[in-house]
Amino acid sequence: MKIHGALEVEGDEYAIMSYSDSITSEFEIMKIKRGRSGKISYAGVEDEELYKDLSEAAIEHLETKFIF
């Protein structure tokens, strides 16, 4: 997956990602989890309303970066 940017909401970080082998305007939003040793992992966003809000913010972010 390719990361196109990040969003922060109430102290949590979310990555805007797309499949690197895909030429499409589809994207995923994953919660960024930082471990104590600096290891980064990603988790899905289960709250549908939060995902919707993040998706709208992601579209704005991607449009300003001319990715969309």
Protein backbone atom coordinates (compact mmCIF):
# COMPACT_ATOMS: atom_id res chain seq x y z
CA MET A 1 0.00 0.00 0.00
CA LYS A 2 1.09 3.55 -0.68
CA ILE A 3 0.55 6.30 1.90
CA HIS A 4 -0.68 9.63 0.50
CA GLY A 5 -0.90 11.56 3.74
CA ALA A 6 -2.20 11.52 7.26
CA LEU A 7 -5.04 13.09 9.20
CA GLU A 8 -5.22 13.76 12.93
CA VAL A 9 -8.48 13.65 14.87
CA GLU A 10 -8.67 14.03 18.64
CA GLY A 11 -5.06 12.94 19.09
CA ASP A 12 -5.33 9.86 16.85
CA GLU A 13 -3.55 9.64 13.49
CA TYR A 14 -5.04 8.10 10.35
CA ALA A 15 -3.22 7.24 7.12
CA ILE A 16 -4.73 7.83 3.68
CA MET A 17 -3.64 4.81 1.67
CA SER A 18 -4.18 3.22 -1.73
CA TYR A 19 -3.05 -0.02 -3.27
CA SER A 20 0.27 0.67 -4.97
CA ASP A 21 -0.50 -1.57 -7.94
CA SER A 22 -3.81 0.14 -8.65
CA ILE A 23 -4.43 3.19 -10.84
CA THR A 24 -7.68 4.33 -9.29
CA SER A 25 -9.16 7.06 -7.14
CA GLU A 26 -10.11 4.57 -4.42
CA PHE A 27 -8.41 4.82 -1.06
CA GLU A 28 -8.50 3.32 2.41
CA ILE A 29 -8.15 5.05 5.75
CA MET A 30 -6.30 3.17 8.46
CA LYS A 31 -5.59 4.16 12.06
CA ILE A 32 -1.87 4.54 12.72
CA LYS A 33 -0.67 2.71 15.82
CA ARG A 34 2.79 3.51 17.13
CA GLY A 35 4.49 0.96 19.36
CA ARG A 36 6.97 1.71 22.12
CA SER A 37 9.91 0.54 20.05
CA GLY A 38 8.92 2.87 17.22
CA LYS A 39 7.22 0.13 15.25
CA ILE A 40 4.21 1.35 13.25
CA SER A 41 1.16 -0.76 12.49
CA TYR A 42 -2.22 0.02 10.98
CA ALA A 43 -5.76 -0.91 11.98
CA GLY A 44 -9.13 -0.47 10.33
CA VAL A 45 -11.55 2.25 11.43
CA GLU A 46 -14.63 0.56 12.88
CA ASP A 47 -16.73 3.67 13.62
CA GLU A 48 -18.74 4.28 10.42
CA GLU A 49 -19.46 7.95 11.19
CA LEU A 50 -15.77 8.63 11.90
CA TYR A 51 -14.78 6.82 8.70
CA LYS A 52 -17.23 8.96 6.72
CA ASP A 53 -15.81 12.17 8.23
CA LEU A 54 -12.24 11.00 7.60
CA SER A 55 -13.12 10.11 4.00
CA GLU A 56 -14.41 13.62 3.34
CA ALA A 57 -11.26 15.13 4.86
CA ALA A 58 -9.11 12.69 2.86
CA ILE A 59 -10.73 13.75 -0.41
CA GLU A 60 -9.98 17.40 0.37
CA HIS A 61 -6.39 16.50 1.24
CA LEU A 62 -5.90 14.47 -1.93
CA GLU A 63 -7.43 17.19 -4.11
CA THR A 64 -5.03 19.80 -2.70
CA LYS A 65 -2.11 17.46 -3.46
CA PHE A 66 -3.49 16.88 -7.01
CA ILE A 67 -3.63 13.14 -6.37
CA PHE A 68 -7.32 12.94 -7.31
